[in-house]
N, C-alpha and C. Protein backbone atom coordinates (compact mmCIF):
# COMPACT_ATOMS: atom_id res chain seq x y z
N UNK A 1 57.80 120.85 181.98
CA UNK A 1 58.17 120.88 180.58
C UNK A 1 59.26 121.94 180.39
N UNK A 2 60.37 121.54 179.79
CA UNK A 2 61.50 122.44 179.58
C UNK A 2 61.67 122.70 178.08
N UNK A 3 61.46 123.95 177.65
CA UNK A 3 61.60 124.22 176.23
C UNK A 3 63.04 124.34 175.74
N UNK A 4 64.00 124.49 176.65
CA UNK A 4 65.38 124.67 176.19
C UNK A 4 66.35 123.89 177.07
N UNK A 5 67.26 123.19 176.40
CA UNK A 5 68.35 122.49 177.09
C UNK A 5 69.59 122.69 176.24
N UNK A 6 70.65 123.22 176.85
CA UNK A 6 71.91 123.45 176.15
C UNK A 6 72.94 122.52 176.79
N UNK A 7 73.60 121.72 175.94
CA UNK A 7 74.52 120.69 176.42
C UNK A 7 75.90 120.88 175.79
N UNK A 8 76.94 120.69 176.57
CA UNK A 8 78.31 120.76 176.06
C UNK A 8 78.52 119.64 175.04
N UNK A 9 79.07 119.98 173.90
CA UNK A 9 79.33 118.98 172.87
C UNK A 9 80.43 118.02 173.29
N UNK A 10 81.36 118.50 174.11
CA UNK A 10 82.48 117.66 174.51
C UNK A 10 82.13 116.59 175.53
N UNK A 11 81.47 116.97 176.63
CA UNK A 11 81.24 116.02 177.72
C UNK A 11 79.76 115.78 178.02
N UNK A 12 78.88 116.46 177.29
CA UNK A 12 77.42 116.32 177.45
C UNK A 12 76.89 116.89 178.77
N UNK A 13 77.69 117.74 179.42
CA UNK A 13 77.25 118.42 180.64
C UNK A 13 76.14 119.40 180.28
N UNK A 14 75.08 119.45 181.09
CA UNK A 14 73.97 120.38 180.83
C UNK A 14 74.40 121.76 181.29
N UNK A 15 74.52 122.67 180.32
CA UNK A 15 74.92 124.05 180.61
C UNK A 15 73.72 124.90 181.00
N UNK A 16 72.59 124.62 180.41
CA UNK A 16 71.37 125.35 180.76
C UNK A 16 70.17 124.46 180.46
N UNK A 17 69.21 124.51 181.37
CA UNK A 17 67.96 123.79 181.19
C UNK A 17 66.89 124.60 181.89
N UNK A 18 65.87 125.01 181.15
CA UNK A 18 64.84 125.81 181.78
C UNK A 18 63.70 126.18 180.86
N UNK A 19 62.66 126.73 181.47
CA UNK A 19 61.47 127.14 180.74
C UNK A 19 61.70 128.45 180.00
N UNK A 20 62.61 129.27 180.48
CA UNK A 20 62.91 130.56 179.84
C UNK A 20 63.95 130.35 178.74
N UNK A 21 63.62 130.82 177.53
CA UNK A 21 64.58 130.72 176.44
C UNK A 21 65.68 131.75 176.63
N UNK A 22 66.93 131.30 176.56
CA UNK A 22 68.07 132.19 176.73
C UNK A 22 68.91 132.18 175.46
N UNK A 23 69.42 133.34 175.07
CA UNK A 23 70.28 133.38 173.88
C UNK A 23 71.62 132.69 174.17
N UNK A 24 72.21 132.06 173.15
CA UNK A 24 73.47 131.34 173.35
C UNK A 24 74.59 132.19 173.94
N UNK A 25 74.69 133.46 173.52
CA UNK A 25 75.77 134.29 174.05
C UNK A 25 75.62 134.53 175.55
N UNK A 26 74.41 134.57 176.05
CA UNK A 26 74.18 134.74 177.50
C UNK A 26 74.63 133.49 178.26
N UNK A 27 74.36 132.33 177.71
CA UNK A 27 74.77 131.07 178.35
C UNK A 27 76.29 130.96 178.34
N UNK A 28 76.91 131.29 177.22
CA UNK A 28 78.38 131.25 177.13
C UNK A 28 78.99 132.22 178.14
N UNK A 29 78.41 133.41 178.27
CA UNK A 29 78.92 134.41 179.22
C UNK A 29 78.81 133.90 180.66
N UNK A 30 77.74 133.16 180.98
CA UNK A 30 77.55 132.61 182.33
C UNK A 30 78.73 131.74 182.74
N UNK A 31 79.34 131.06 181.76
CA UNK A 31 80.45 130.14 182.03
C UNK A 31 81.80 130.67 181.57
N UNK A 32 81.85 131.96 181.29
CA UNK A 32 83.10 132.62 180.87
C UNK A 32 83.73 131.94 179.66
N UNK A 33 82.89 131.42 178.76
CA UNK A 33 83.37 130.90 177.49
C UNK A 33 83.87 129.47 177.47
N UNK A 34 83.76 128.75 178.61
CA UNK A 34 84.20 127.35 178.59
C UNK A 34 83.32 126.50 179.50
N UNK A 35 83.23 125.24 179.16
CA UNK A 35 82.42 124.30 179.93
C UNK A 35 83.03 124.15 181.33
N UNK A 36 82.20 124.23 182.38
CA UNK A 36 82.73 124.11 183.73
C UNK A 36 83.19 122.69 184.07
N UNK A 37 82.76 121.70 183.29
CA UNK A 37 83.13 120.32 183.59
C UNK A 37 84.38 119.88 182.84
N UNK A 38 84.44 120.15 181.52
CA UNK A 38 85.57 119.64 180.73
C UNK A 38 86.48 120.74 180.18
N UNK A 39 86.12 122.00 180.39
CA UNK A 39 86.90 123.18 179.96
C UNK A 39 86.94 123.37 178.44
N UNK A 40 86.07 122.68 177.70
CA UNK A 40 86.00 122.87 176.25
C UNK A 40 85.51 124.29 175.97
N UNK A 41 86.11 124.95 174.97
CA UNK A 41 85.71 126.30 174.60
C UNK A 41 84.30 126.24 174.01
N UNK A 42 83.43 127.11 174.51
CA UNK A 42 82.06 127.17 174.01
C UNK A 42 81.99 128.14 172.84
N UNK A 43 81.19 127.79 171.85
CA UNK A 43 81.11 128.58 170.63
C UNK A 43 79.67 129.03 170.38
N UNK A 44 79.52 130.18 169.73
CA UNK A 44 78.20 130.66 169.33
C UNK A 44 77.66 129.88 168.13
N UNK A 45 78.56 129.20 167.40
CA UNK A 45 78.14 128.45 166.23
C UNK A 45 77.81 127.02 166.64
N UNK A 46 76.54 126.65 166.61
CA UNK A 46 76.18 125.28 167.00
C UNK A 46 76.67 124.29 165.95
N UNK A 47 77.22 123.19 166.41
CA UNK A 47 77.71 122.18 165.48
C UNK A 47 76.79 120.96 165.45
N UNK A 48 75.98 120.80 166.48
CA UNK A 48 75.07 119.67 166.54
C UNK A 48 73.80 120.11 167.25
N UNK A 49 72.77 120.39 166.47
CA UNK A 49 71.52 120.87 167.04
C UNK A 49 70.46 119.79 166.87
N UNK A 50 69.78 119.49 167.95
CA UNK A 50 68.71 118.50 167.91
C UNK A 50 67.45 119.16 168.43
N UNK A 51 66.40 119.12 167.66
CA UNK A 51 65.13 119.71 168.06
C UNK A 51 64.12 118.57 168.22
N UNK A 52 63.51 118.53 169.41
CA UNK A 52 62.55 117.47 169.69
C UNK A 52 61.23 118.12 170.10
N UNK A 53 60.11 117.47 169.79
CA UNK A 53 58.82 118.03 170.21
C UNK A 53 58.66 117.94 171.73
N UNK A 54 57.98 118.92 172.29
CA UNK A 54 57.71 118.91 173.73
C UNK A 54 56.71 117.82 174.04
N UNK A 55 56.86 117.21 175.19
CA UNK A 55 55.94 116.14 175.60
C UNK A 55 54.95 116.65 176.60
């Protein structure tokens, strides 16, 4: 069961997936501010958030 999944809005690449909750700024810092797949600039302001119940 994974409580957190962070996906690039541009290409849908999974930036982070795991049981440990990580703050968005830490995930952005891991990738130096851009998606490693499509190079889209990552932002701290979420534009599309989807929350689903854990299964």
